[in-house]
N, C-alpha and C. Protein backbone atom coordinates (compact mmCIF):
# COMPACT_ATOMS: atom_id res chain seq x y z
N UNK A 1 3.44 27.37 -18.98
CA UNK A 1 4.92 26.80 -18.28
C UNK A 1 4.18 26.73 -16.59
N UNK A 2 4.33 25.76 -15.91
CA UNK A 2 4.20 25.85 -14.83
C UNK A 2 4.71 26.84 -13.37
N UNK A 3 4.09 26.99 -12.60
CA UNK A 3 4.44 27.92 -11.75
C UNK A 3 3.82 27.36 -10.27
N UNK A 4 4.66 27.52 -9.83
CA UNK A 4 4.25 27.26 -8.32
C UNK A 4 4.62 28.27 -7.07
N UNK A 5 3.15 28.33 -6.77
CA UNK A 5 3.24 29.77 -5.22
C UNK A 5 2.50 29.07 -4.35
N UNK A 6 3.10 29.51 -3.17
CA UNK A 6 2.20 29.40 -1.81
C UNK A 6 0.95 29.92 -1.71
N UNK A 7 -0.05 28.93 -1.05
CA UNK A 7 -0.79 29.27 -0.65
C UNK A 7 -1.64 30.69 -0.04
N UNK A 8 -2.15 31.17 -0.72
CA UNK A 8 -1.81 32.50 0.15
C UNK A 8 -3.59 32.97 0.50
N UNK A 9 -4.13 33.50 1.33
CA UNK A 9 -5.42 34.36 1.57
C UNK A 9 -6.15 34.45 0.39
N UNK A 10 -5.40 34.97 -0.83
CA UNK A 10 -5.98 35.60 -1.82
C UNK A 10 -6.25 34.26 -3.10
N UNK A 11 -6.06 33.21 -2.61
CA UNK A 11 -6.09 31.91 -3.88
C UNK A 11 -6.80 30.77 -3.30
N UNK A 12 -6.87 31.11 -2.20
CA UNK A 12 -7.75 30.02 -1.58
C UNK A 12 -8.99 29.50 -2.26
N UNK A 13 -9.39 30.21 -2.60
CA UNK A 13 -10.90 30.55 -3.07
C UNK A 13 -10.96 30.21 -4.35
N UNK A 14 -9.74 30.46 -5.72
CA UNK A 14 -9.29 30.05 -6.80
C UNK A 14 -9.02 28.64 -6.54
N UNK A 15 -8.02 27.92 -5.78
CA UNK A 15 -7.43 26.66 -5.53
C UNK A 15 -8.59 25.61 -5.86
N UNK A 16 -9.50 26.39 -4.41
CA UNK A 16 -10.78 25.43 -3.63
C UNK A 16 -11.77 25.00 -4.82
N UNK A 17 -12.05 25.66 -5.93
CA UNK A 17 -13.23 26.04 -7.61
C UNK A 17 -12.28 24.46 -8.24
N UNK A 18 -11.11 24.04 -7.92
CA UNK A 18 -10.61 23.92 -9.41
C UNK A 18 -10.88 21.85 -8.89
N UNK A 19 -10.95 21.26 -9.53
CA UNK A 19 -11.84 19.81 -9.64
C UNK A 19 -10.81 18.83 -10.69
N UNK A 20 -10.90 17.56 -10.23
CA UNK A 20 -10.64 16.54 -11.15
C UNK A 20 -11.76 15.83 -11.76
N UNK A 21 -11.53 15.19 -12.94
CA UNK A 21 -12.67 14.69 -13.39
C UNK A 21 -13.50 13.70 -12.81
N UNK A 22 -14.47 13.47 -12.46
CA UNK A 22 -15.65 12.54 -12.21
C UNK A 22 -15.17 11.42 -11.69
N UNK A 23 -14.37 9.91 -12.80
CA UNK A 23 -14.06 9.25 -12.88
C UNK A 23 -13.03 8.97 -11.51
N UNK A 24 -12.09 10.79 -11.35
CA UNK A 24 -10.99 10.45 -10.78
C UNK A 24 -10.90 11.21 -8.99
N UNK A 25 -12.63 11.26 -9.33
CA UNK A 25 -13.44 12.02 -7.69
C UNK A 25 -12.39 10.70 -6.19
N UNK A 26 -12.48 9.11 -6.33
CA UNK A 26 -12.11 8.87 -5.16
C UNK A 26 -10.70 8.85 -5.50
N UNK A 27 -10.01 9.44 -6.01
CA UNK A 27 -8.02 9.27 -6.41
C UNK A 27 -7.66 9.83 -5.46
N UNK A 28 -8.48 11.21 -4.92
CA UNK A 28 -7.49 12.02 -4.52
C UNK A 28 -8.77 13.31 -3.60
N UNK A 29 -7.73 13.33 -2.50
CA UNK A 29 -9.32 14.41 -1.44
C UNK A 29 -9.64 16.16 -2.42
N UNK A 30 -10.51 16.64 -1.91
CA UNK A 30 -10.74 18.09 -2.72
C UNK A 30 -10.05 18.64 -2.32
N UNK A 31 -9.52 20.07 -2.85
CA UNK A 31 -8.75 21.15 -2.64
C UNK A 31 -9.33 21.44 -1.26
N UNK A 32 -10.09 21.94 -1.38
CA UNK A 32 -10.56 22.65 0.26
C UNK A 32 -10.15 21.33 1.42
N UNK A 33 -10.94 20.13 1.35
CA UNK A 33 -10.25 19.17 2.05
C UNK A 33 -8.72 19.24 2.58
N UNK A 34 -7.77 19.09 1.92
CA UNK A 34 -6.86 19.43 2.10
C UNK A 34 -6.31 21.32 2.57
N UNK A 35 -6.52 21.72 1.82
CA UNK A 35 -6.43 23.42 2.31
C UNK A 35 -6.72 22.92 3.61
N UNK A 36 -7.93 22.36 4.39
CA UNK A 36 -8.77 22.57 5.55
C UNK A 36 -7.41 21.29 6.87
N UNK A 37 -7.12 20.27 6.48
CA UNK A 37 -6.04 19.17 6.50
C UNK A 37 -4.69 19.63 7.15
N UNK A 38 -4.28 20.88 6.34
CA UNK A 38 -3.29 21.38 6.29
C UNK A 38 -2.86 21.94 7.74
N UNK A 39 -3.71 22.34 8.00
CA UNK A 39 -3.72 23.31 9.50
C UNK A 39 -3.65 22.29 10.94
N UNK A 40 -3.45 21.20 10.69
CA UNK A 40 -3.50 19.98 11.35
C UNK A 40 -2.57 19.03 11.07
N UNK A 41 -1.85 19.55 10.04
CA UNK A 41 -0.39 18.29 9.53
C UNK A 41 0.82 19.06 9.28
N UNK A 42 1.46 18.50 10.77
CA UNK A 42 2.47 19.00 11.17
C UNK A 42 3.68 19.33 9.63
N UNK A 43 4.38 19.73 9.21
CA UNK A 43 5.31 19.78 8.12
C UNK A 43 4.89 20.06 7.24
N UNK A 44 3.25 20.25 6.79
CA UNK A 44 2.51 20.81 5.62
C UNK A 44 2.84 22.11 5.39
N UNK A 45 2.50 21.68 3.59
CA UNK A 45 2.64 23.49 3.11
C UNK A 45 2.31 23.03 1.23
N UNK A 46 1.44 24.04 1.06
CA UNK A 46 0.73 23.31 0.35
C UNK A 46 0.78 25.03 -1.02
N UNK A 47 0.81 24.53 -2.00
CA UNK A 47 1.58 25.32 -3.49
C UNK A 47 0.28 25.20 -4.65
N UNK A 48 0.08 26.03 -4.98
CA UNK A 48 -0.99 26.62 -5.75
C UNK A 48 -0.35 26.22 -7.24
N UNK A 49 -0.44 25.47 -8.07
CA UNK A 49 -0.17 24.94 -9.80
C UNK A 49 -0.89 26.66 -10.60
N UNK A 50 0.04 27.09 -10.71
CA UNK A 50 -0.57 28.15 -12.23
C UNK A 50 0.18 27.87 -13.15
N UNK A 51 -0.62 28.79 -14.23
CA UNK A 51 -0.39 28.95 -15.15
C UNK A 51 -0.90 30.30 -16.18
N UNK A 52 0.03 30.55 -16.39
CA UNK A 52 0.13 32.20 -16.89
C UNK A 52 -1.45 32.33 -15.98
N UNK A 53 -1.02 32.33 -14.76
CA UNK A 53 -1.92 33.42 -14.16
C UNK A 53 -3.32 33.19 -13.62
N UNK A 54 -3.39 31.39 -14.63
CA UNK A 54 -4.43 30.46 -14.05
C UNK A 54 -4.67 29.67 -12.77
N UNK A 55 -5.14 29.79 -12.20
CA UNK A 55 -5.13 27.80 -10.95
C UNK A 55 -5.21 26.58 -12.11
N UNK A 56 -4.36 26.27 -12.02
CA UNK A 56 -4.24 24.91 -12.63
C UNK A 56 -4.72 23.42 -12.28
N UNK A 57 -3.76 23.38 -11.10
CA UNK A 57 -3.80 22.55 -9.59
C UNK A 57 -3.19 22.75 -8.01
N UNK A 58 -3.06 21.66 -7.76
CA UNK A 58 -2.46 21.96 -5.94
C UNK A 58 -1.51 20.98 -6.22
N UNK A 59 -0.36 21.67 -5.18
CA UNK A 59 0.53 20.66 -4.77
C UNK A 59 0.63 20.72 -2.98
N UNK A 60 0.21 19.26 -2.40
CA UNK A 60 0.33 19.66 -0.98
C UNK A 60 1.53 18.56 -0.23
N UNK A 61 2.67 18.80 0.13
CA UNK A 61 3.94 18.32 0.46
C UNK A 61 3.90 17.86 2.67
N UNK A 62 4.34 17.23 3.08
CA UNK A 62 5.10 17.36 4.10
C UNK A 62 6.26 16.86 4.46
N UNK A 63 7.28 17.87 5.04
CA UNK A 63 8.13 18.02 5.11
C UNK A 63 8.66 16.37 6.38
N UNK A 64 8.70 15.62 5.93
CA UNK A 64 9.00 14.38 6.98
C UNK A 64 10.16 14.17 8.23
N UNK A 65 10.61 14.91 8.31
CA UNK A 65 12.14 15.50 8.98
C UNK A 65 10.36 16.55 10.26
N UNK A 66 10.08 16.94 10.07
CA UNK A 66 9.60 17.96 11.06
C UNK A 66 9.43 17.17 12.44
N UNK A 67 9.47 18.18 13.38
CA UNK A 67 9.31 17.20 15.08
C UNK A 67 7.74 16.70 15.16
N UNK A 68 7.26 17.19 14.74
CA UNK A 68 5.89 16.95 15.17
C UNK A 68 4.67 15.60 13.34
N UNK A 69 6.21 15.99 12.62
CA UNK A 69 5.41 15.15 11.46
C UNK A 69 4.76 13.75 11.98
N UNK A 70 3.80 13.37 11.56
CA UNK A 70 2.88 12.16 11.76
C UNK A 70 3.35 10.61 11.08
N UNK A 71 4.57 10.44 11.59
CA UNK A 71 5.21 8.87 10.90
C UNK A 71 4.49 7.90 10.83
N UNK A 72 4.48 6.71 10.53
CA UNK A 72 4.11 5.40 10.24
C UNK A 72 5.14 5.00 10.55
N UNK A 73 4.83 3.73 11.30
CA UNK A 73 5.26 2.55 11.76
C UNK A 73 6.68 2.18 10.02
N UNK A 74 8.12 2.54 10.27
CA UNK A 74 9.24 2.60 8.99
C UNK A 74 9.29 3.87 7.52
N UNK A 75 8.64 4.56 8.23
CA UNK A 75 8.56 6.28 7.61
C UNK A 75 9.53 6.69 8.21
N UNK A 76 10.97 6.87 7.20
CA UNK A 76 12.20 7.86 7.04
C UNK A 76 11.95 9.20 7.22
N UNK A 77 12.00 9.94 8.62
CA UNK A 77 11.59 11.02 8.31
C UNK A 77 12.57 11.82 7.16
N UNK A 78 13.73 11.46 6.83
CA UNK A 78 14.51 12.31 5.25
C UNK A 78 13.82 11.51 4.16
N UNK A 79 12.83 12.24 4.28
CA UNK A 79 12.09 13.21 2.97
C UNK A 79 11.08 13.78 2.79
N UNK A 80 10.71 13.65 1.92
CA UNK A 80 9.23 14.48 1.79
C UNK A 80 8.13 14.01 1.31
N UNK A 81 6.82 13.87 1.46
CA UNK A 81 6.14 13.48 1.41
C UNK A 81 4.99 14.22 0.30
N UNK A 82 4.85 13.80 -0.97
CA UNK A 82 3.48 14.46 -2.03
C UNK A 82 2.60 13.95 -1.04
N UNK A 83 2.10 14.58 -0.46
CA UNK A 83 0.84 14.25 0.01
C UNK A 83 -0.58 14.84 -1.08
N UNK A 84 -0.57 15.61 -1.61
CA UNK A 84 -1.66 15.37 -2.14
C UNK A 84 -1.05 16.06 -3.74
N UNK A 85 -1.55 15.56 -4.55
CA UNK A 85 -1.18 16.69 -6.41
C UNK A 85 -2.03 16.25 -7.10
N UNK A 86 -3.38 17.24 -7.25
CA UNK A 86 -4.03 16.78 -7.92
C UNK A 86 -3.88 18.28 -9.33
N UNK A 87 -4.57 17.81 -10.42
CA UNK A 87 -4.48 18.67 -11.24
C UNK A 87 -5.90 18.69 -12.27
N UNK A 88 -6.66 20.23 -12.53
CA UNK A 88 -7.94 20.42 -12.85
C UNK A 88 -8.04 19.99 -13.92
N UNK A 89 -9.45 18.93 -13.77
CA UNK A 89 -9.55 18.56 -15.45
C UNK A 89 -9.29 19.23 -16.38
N UNK A 90 -9.47 20.27 -17.05
CA UNK A 90 -9.41 21.09 -17.87
C UNK A 90 -8.14 21.04 -18.00
N UNK A 91 -7.26 20.78 -17.48
CA UNK A 91 -5.22 20.98 -17.33
C UNK A 91 -5.16 20.04 -17.46
N UNK A 92 -5.02 18.62 -17.24
CA UNK A 92 -4.54 17.26 -17.26
C UNK A 92 -4.22 17.42 -19.01
N UNK A 93 -2.66 16.31 -18.41
CA UNK A 93 -2.40 15.89 -19.75
C UNK A 93 -0.88 17.31 -20.69
N UNK A 94 -1.09 17.82 -19.37
CA UNK A 94 -0.39 19.31 -20.34
C UNK A 94 1.16 19.76 -19.37
N UNK A 95 1.47 18.25 -18.70
CA UNK A 95 2.45 19.07 -18.08
C UNK A 95 2.73 19.27 -17.05
N UNK A 96 1.63 19.45 -16.36
CA UNK A 96 1.46 20.13 -15.25
C UNK A 96 1.65 19.29 -14.31
N UNK A 97 1.37 17.59 -14.37
CA UNK A 97 1.97 17.15 -12.85
C UNK A 97 3.41 16.90 -12.96
N UNK A 98 3.57 16.52 -14.06
CA UNK A 98 5.36 16.33 -14.39
C UNK A 98 6.06 17.44 -13.46
N UNK A 99 5.61 18.72 -13.87
CA UNK A 99 6.14 19.48 -13.35
C UNK A 99 6.04 19.46 -11.88
N UNK A 100 5.18 19.57 -11.67
CA UNK A 100 4.41 19.56 -9.91
C UNK A 100 5.81 18.32 -9.07
N UNK A 101 6.19 17.19 -9.74
CA UNK A 101 7.12 16.47 -9.64
C UNK A 101 8.66 16.99 -9.32
N UNK A 102 9.01 17.43 -10.40
CA UNK A 102 9.83 18.46 -10.74
C UNK A 102 9.62 19.37 -9.34
N UNK A 103 9.10 20.11 -9.27
CA UNK A 103 9.96 21.26 -8.34
C UNK A 103 9.79 20.45 -7.17
N UNK A 104 8.53 19.13 -6.72
CA UNK A 104 8.80 18.46 -5.50
C UNK A 104 10.23 18.03 -5.29
N UNK A 105 11.51 17.63 -5.65
CA UNK A 105 12.29 16.94 -6.08
C UNK A 105 13.55 18.13 -5.56
N UNK A 106 13.15 19.46 -6.63
CA UNK A 106 13.66 20.59 -6.42
C UNK A 106 13.87 20.94 -4.61
N UNK A 107 12.58 21.00 -4.00
CA UNK A 107 11.91 21.61 -3.08
C UNK A 107 13.09 20.60 -1.79
N UNK A 108 13.08 19.40 -2.27
CA UNK A 108 13.51 18.34 -1.46
C UNK A 108 15.21 18.60 -0.78
N UNK A 109 15.41 18.55 -2.75
CA UNK A 109 17.18 19.16 -2.47
C UNK A 109 17.34 20.53 -1.70
N UNK A 110 16.52 21.25 -1.84
CA UNK A 110 16.80 22.14 -0.50
C UNK A 110 16.50 22.60 -0.06
N UNK A 111 15.19 21.66 1.02
CA UNK A 111 15.41 21.14 2.18
C UNK A 111 16.04 19.93 2.49
N UNK A 112 17.59 19.80 1.74
CA UNK A 112 18.49 18.50 2.24
C UNK A 112 17.41 17.39 2.10
N UNK A 113 16.92 16.64 1.39
CA UNK A 113 16.00 15.16 1.69
C UNK A 113 17.00 14.52 0.42
N UNK A 114 16.46 13.19 1.43
CA UNK A 114 17.48 12.69 0.58
C UNK A 114 16.13 11.57 -0.41
N UNK A 115 14.70 11.80 -0.41
CA UNK A 115 14.10 11.55 -1.13
C UNK A 115 12.19 11.63 -1.12
N UNK A 116 11.70 11.53 -2.25
CA UNK A 116 10.70 11.56 -2.47
C UNK A 116 9.01 10.47 -2.18
N UNK A 117 8.38 10.63 -1.60
CA UNK A 117 7.44 9.36 -1.21
C UNK A 117 6.48 9.69 -1.27
N UNK A 118 5.27 8.77 -2.10
CA UNK A 118 4.09 9.18 -1.85
C UNK A 118 3.14 8.41 -2.46
N UNK A 119 2.11 8.56 -1.61
CA UNK A 119 0.74 7.02 -2.19
C UNK A 119 -0.24 7.56 -3.32
N UNK A 120 -0.49 6.31 -4.05
CA UNK A 120 -1.26 6.23 -5.00
C UNK A 120 -2.65 5.22 -4.55
N UNK A 121 -3.57 5.80 -4.96
CA UNK A 121 -4.68 4.61 -5.30
C UNK A 121 -4.59 3.79 -6.31
N UNK A 122 -4.69 2.86 -6.10
CA UNK A 122 -4.57 2.15 -7.46
C UNK A 122 -5.61 1.46 -8.08
N UNK A 123 -5.78 2.47 -8.88
CA UNK A 123 -7.44 2.35 -9.33
C UNK A 123 -7.36 2.90 -11.29
N UNK A 124 -8.09 2.84 -11.92
CA UNK A 124 -8.09 3.10 -13.42
C UNK A 124 -8.22 4.49 -13.32
N UNK A 125 -7.41 5.25 -13.84
CA UNK A 125 -7.54 7.16 -13.90
C UNK A 125 -6.66 7.69 -13.12
N UNK A 126 -5.71 6.79 -11.84
CA UNK A 126 -4.60 6.93 -11.24
C UNK A 126 -3.28 7.55 -11.70
N UNK A 127 -2.36 8.08 -11.18
CA UNK A 127 -1.06 8.83 -11.70
C UNK A 127 -0.21 8.12 -11.20
N UNK A 128 -0.33 6.15 -11.01
CA UNK A 128 0.68 5.82 -10.90
C UNK A 128 1.57 5.62 -12.02
N UNK A 129 1.24 5.96 -13.74
CA UNK A 129 2.02 5.65 -14.37
C UNK A 129 2.92 7.16 -14.69
N UNK A 130 2.75 8.36 -14.26
CA UNK A 130 2.99 9.12 -14.14
C UNK A 130 4.15 9.07 -12.83
N UNK A 131 3.76 8.65 -12.38
CA UNK A 131 5.22 8.75 -11.15
C UNK A 131 6.20 7.63 -11.25
N UNK A 132 5.72 6.31 -12.28
CA UNK A 132 6.53 5.07 -12.45
C UNK A 132 7.84 5.80 -13.66
N UNK A 133 6.79 6.68 -14.61
CA UNK A 133 7.59 6.49 -15.40
C UNK A 133 8.52 8.14 -14.71
N UNK A 134 7.86 8.90 -13.85
CA UNK A 134 9.34 9.62 -13.31
C UNK A 134 10.67 9.23 -12.47
N UNK A 135 10.03 7.81 -12.00
CA UNK A 135 10.93 7.27 -11.51
C UNK A 135 11.05 6.75 -10.01
N UNK A 136 9.88 7.28 -9.68
CA UNK A 136 9.58 6.15 -8.69
C UNK A 136 9.46 4.55 -8.95
N UNK A 137 9.79 3.99 -7.82
CA UNK A 137 9.29 2.33 -6.93
C UNK A 137 8.61 2.32 -6.73
N UNK A 138 8.08 0.84 -6.55
CA UNK A 138 7.07 0.87 -5.21
C UNK A 138 8.01 0.33 -4.08
N UNK A 139 7.58 0.38 -2.76
CA UNK A 139 8.32 0.44 -1.82
C UNK A 139 7.82 -1.68 -1.56
N UNK A 140 5.92 -1.42 -1.67
CA UNK A 140 5.93 -3.20 -1.35
C UNK A 140 5.00 -2.82 -0.06
N UNK A 141 4.59 -0.78 0.61
CA UNK A 141 4.00 -0.90 1.09
C UNK A 141 2.86 -1.01 0.88
N UNK A 142 1.58 -0.82 1.38
CA UNK A 142 0.31 -0.45 1.46
C UNK A 142 -0.32 0.44 2.28
N UNK A 143 -0.54 1.71 2.31
CA UNK A 143 -0.85 2.22 3.51
C UNK A 143 -1.98 3.26 3.26
N UNK A 144 -2.84 2.76 4.21
CA UNK A 144 -4.55 3.23 4.62
C UNK A 144 -5.19 3.62 2.74
N UNK A 145 -4.88 2.23 2.22
CA UNK A 145 -5.15 1.65 0.98
C UNK A 145 -4.57 2.56 -0.40
N UNK A 146 -3.77 2.84 -0.19
CA UNK A 146 -2.06 3.54 -1.05
C UNK A 146 -1.36 2.88 -1.24
N UNK A 147 -1.00 2.74 -2.12
CA UNK A 147 0.31 1.68 -2.71
C UNK A 147 1.36 3.41 -2.50
N UNK A 148 2.70 2.94 -1.43
CA UNK A 148 3.47 3.43 -1.28
C UNK A 148 4.74 3.72 -2.89
N UNK A 149 4.91 4.72 -3.49
CA UNK A 149 6.40 4.64 -4.10
C UNK A 149 7.65 5.20 -3.68
N UNK A 150 8.58 5.47 -3.74
CA UNK A 150 9.78 6.39 -3.52
C UNK A 150 10.54 6.40 -4.55
N UNK A 151 11.46 7.69 -4.64
CA UNK A 151 12.32 7.93 -5.30
C UNK A 151 13.44 8.47 -4.69
N UNK A 152 14.42 7.79 -4.62
CA UNK A 152 15.19 8.08 -4.30
C UNK A 152 16.69 9.03 -4.52
N UNK A 153 16.56 10.24 -4.51
CA UNK A 153 17.12 11.56 -5.16
C UNK A 153 19.43 11.60 -4.34
N UNK A 154 19.14 9.98 -3.40
CA UNK A 154 20.79 10.40 -3.14
C UNK A 154 21.11 11.21 -1.80
N UNK A 155 21.97 11.36 -0.57
CA UNK A 155 22.72 12.02 -0.09
C UNK A 155 22.79 13.43 -0.40
N UNK A 156 22.15 14.39 0.00
CA UNK A 156 22.64 15.13 -0.63
C UNK A 156 23.59 15.77 0.64
N UNK A 157 24.77 16.31 -0.15
CA UNK A 157 26.01 17.29 0.76
C UNK A 157 25.24 18.60 1.12
N UNK A 158 26.38 18.94 2.51
CA UNK A 158 26.42 19.74 3.42
C UNK A 158 27.39 20.64 3.28
N UNK A 159 27.60 21.74 2.62
CA UNK A 159 29.10 22.54 2.34
C UNK A 159 29.01 22.77 3.90
N UNK A 160 30.85 22.78 4.43
CA UNK A 160 30.53 23.76 5.03
C UNK A 160 31.65 24.85 5.45
């Protein structure tokens, strides 16, 4: 069962050591690069994906409503951007990617955001089928050579 824990000093090395399959190396940046870039990405949060105390992947999101978030023209700040999602080559096809999408959806609800957004390099071995099976739809935009997809979650009601 997948568990998600915020990046910590004690988990950096374990998460940095994870790798995708060789044929997927051009589809997602390394975890080490993601962790380093997160310092300069306003609104970013990084979570390790764990299975029985074993590191199996990494999920990085950006809260697009952050006042300093770097949005592209046409971006809606009412969303959570799945910036990076990787599952180690030895743990793929075991449901961890799907669990990460469920976790992202729950996170968006907690933050009262109405959508999830993701960009995917559309090449063999990519996660595009996973996102589309989960309900993401193509927006028609290509940003930084990635196909943009969106999942509308509906307006979150705020109780007063």
